[in-house]
Amino acid sequence: MELIIIKISYLVQGGIVLLILMIAYKAIKALMFSQRMVAKRLLKYGSKAQAKVLSIEKVADERNGKANVKLLLQVEPELGRSFVAEILTSIDASRFNILQTGGMVSVMYNPVNREQVVLAPTML
């Protein structure tokens, strides 16, 4: 009898762990979807600006001809003060070599939430 109770308690614990993992997976997937939606919205409705590349860091190896990079940018909008933004993005591996610290890139940003910045389509 005790053996059956122990096995049932292990099944319940395993079920709880599985439920927690499923919830975490759904949350991460929703966050990724949300980030893609923000990027699409910025590309369609965002404000254009030039940005100076302050630093470039390759964060993952190339896949499908794309390099994952973290960029620290000083965004210089046409109106208002410049601001610093950090973005994580995938770019064509051939364009990665063009990016240089101190160089200029085109970006789209949300003037209300300046943490939302994406590279303009010409850079992707």
Protein backbone atom coordinates (compact mmCIF):
# COMPACT_ATOMS: atom_id res chain seq x y z
CA MET A 1 0.00 0.00 0.00
CA GLU A 2 2.80 2.42 0.91
CA LEU A 3 4.54 1.59 -2.38
CA ILE A 4 1.43 2.59 -4.35
CA ILE A 5 1.12 5.87 -2.42
CA ILE A 6 4.80 6.67 -3.05
CA LYS A 7 4.42 5.97 -6.80
CA ILE A 8 1.30 8.16 -6.97
CA SER A 9 3.11 11.01 -5.18
CA TYR A 10 5.97 10.78 -7.71
CA LEU A 11 3.45 10.94 -10.56
CA VAL A 12 1.84 14.03 -9.01
CA GLN A 13 5.23 15.71 -8.56
CA GLY A 14 6.18 14.85 -12.14
CA GLY A 15 2.89 16.26 -13.37
CA ILE A 16 3.46 19.50 -11.47
CA VAL A 17 6.97 19.85 -12.90
CA LEU A 18 5.63 19.18 -16.40
CA LEU A 19 2.89 21.80 -15.89
CA ILE A 20 5.45 24.39 -14.74
CA LEU A 21 7.66 23.66 -17.78
CA MET A 22 4.68 24.02 -20.13
CA ILE A 23 3.72 27.36 -18.58
CA ALA A 24 7.31 28.62 -18.85
CA TYR A 25 7.46 27.54 -22.50
CA LYS A 26 4.21 29.36 -23.30
CA ALA A 27 5.42 32.51 -21.51
CA ILE A 28 8.73 32.56 -23.40
CA LYS A 29 6.95 31.92 -26.70
CA ALA A 30 4.50 34.77 -26.01
CA LEU A 31 7.38 37.12 -25.17
CA MET A 32 9.19 36.24 -28.41
CA PHE A 33 5.97 36.78 -30.38
CA SER A 34 5.50 40.11 -28.64
CA GLN A 35 9.01 41.27 -29.56
CA ARG A 36 8.42 40.36 -33.21
CA MET A 37 5.15 42.28 -33.20
CA VAL A 38 6.86 45.36 -31.71
CA ALA A 39 9.54 45.18 -34.41
CA LYS A 40 6.93 44.91 -37.18
CA ARG A 41 5.00 47.85 -35.73
CA LEU A 42 8.16 49.96 -35.48
CA LEU A 43 9.12 49.22 -39.08
CA LYS A 44 5.67 50.29 -40.21
CA TYR A 45 4.89 53.24 -37.90
CA GLY A 46 8.15 54.14 -36.12
CA SER A 47 10.16 57.33 -36.45
CA LYS A 48 13.28 57.25 -38.61
CA ALA A 49 16.65 58.28 -37.26
CA GLN A 50 20.36 57.83 -37.70
CA ALA A 51 22.35 56.13 -34.97
CA LYS A 52 26.05 55.99 -34.17
CA VAL A 53 27.34 52.50 -33.37
CA LEU A 54 28.99 52.66 -29.94
CA SER A 55 29.74 48.95 -29.69
CA ILE A 56 29.14 45.68 -31.53
CA GLU A 57 29.13 42.24 -29.97
CA LYS A 58 28.50 39.02 -31.86
CA VAL A 59 26.42 36.94 -29.46
CA ALA A 60 25.85 33.79 -31.52
CA ASP A 61 27.37 32.00 -34.47
CA GLU A 62 25.92 32.48 -37.91
CA ARG A 63 22.88 30.46 -38.90
CA ASN A 64 21.33 30.57 -42.35
CA GLY A 65 23.67 33.39 -43.33
CA LYS A 66 22.56 35.55 -40.37
CA ALA A 67 24.69 36.78 -37.46
CA ASN A 68 23.12 37.51 -34.06
CA VAL A 69 24.56 40.73 -32.70
CA LYS A 70 24.10 43.08 -29.77
CA LEU A 71 24.48 46.73 -30.74
CA LEU A 72 24.84 49.71 -28.45
CA LEU A 73 23.63 52.74 -30.40
CA GLN A 74 23.45 56.48 -29.84
CA VAL A 75 20.23 57.37 -31.63
CA GLU A 76 20.06 60.89 -33.02
CA PRO A 77 16.44 61.76 -33.80
CA GLU A 78 15.55 64.73 -36.01
CA LEU A 79 13.67 66.32 -33.08
CA GLY A 80 14.67 66.08 -29.46
CA ARG A 81 17.71 64.82 -27.62
CA SER A 82 19.83 61.89 -28.63
CA PHE A 83 19.58 58.73 -26.52
CA VAL A 84 21.41 55.44 -26.10
CA ALA A 85 19.70 52.15 -26.95
CA GLU A 86 20.81 48.54 -26.91
CA ILE A 87 19.34 46.12 -29.44
CA LEU A 88 19.73 42.42 -30.09
CA THR A 89 19.14 41.54 -33.73
CA SER A 90 19.99 39.22 -36.59
CA ILE A 91 21.68 40.67 -39.65
CA ASP A 92 23.09 39.25 -42.87
CA ALA A 93 26.58 37.93 -42.22
CA SER A 94 27.84 40.01 -45.16
CA ARG A 95 26.50 43.19 -43.52
CA PHE A 96 28.12 42.33 -40.18
CA ASN A 97 31.53 43.16 -41.65
CA ILE A 98 30.22 46.57 -42.77
CA LEU A 99 29.19 47.54 -39.22
CA GLN A 100 31.96 49.36 -37.40
CA THR A 101 32.20 51.10 -34.08
CA GLY A 102 31.72 54.79 -34.80
CA GLY A 103 29.80 54.09 -38.01
CA MET A 104 26.26 55.27 -38.70
CA VAL A 105 23.19 53.08 -39.26
CA SER A 106 19.54 53.79 -40.00
CA VAL A 107 17.02 52.86 -37.31
CA MET A 108 13.33 53.07 -36.55
CA TYR A 109 12.25 53.87 -32.98
CA ASN A 110 9.20 54.54 -30.85
CA PRO A 111 9.31 58.20 -29.73
CA VAL A 112 7.08 57.39 -26.74
CA ASN A 113 9.15 54.40 -25.57
CA ARG A 114 12.74 54.96 -26.64
CA GLU A 115 13.75 51.49 -25.49
CA GLN A 116 12.02 50.19 -28.63
CA VAL A 117 14.55 50.51 -31.46
CA VAL A 118 15.12 48.32 -34.52
CA LEU A 119 17.52 48.53 -37.43
CA ALA A 120 15.96 49.88 -40.62
CA PRO A 121 15.22 47.20 -43.26
CA THR A 122 18.24 48.21 -45.35
CA MET A 123 20.53 46.95 -42.57
CA LEU A 124 18.79 43.61 -42.05
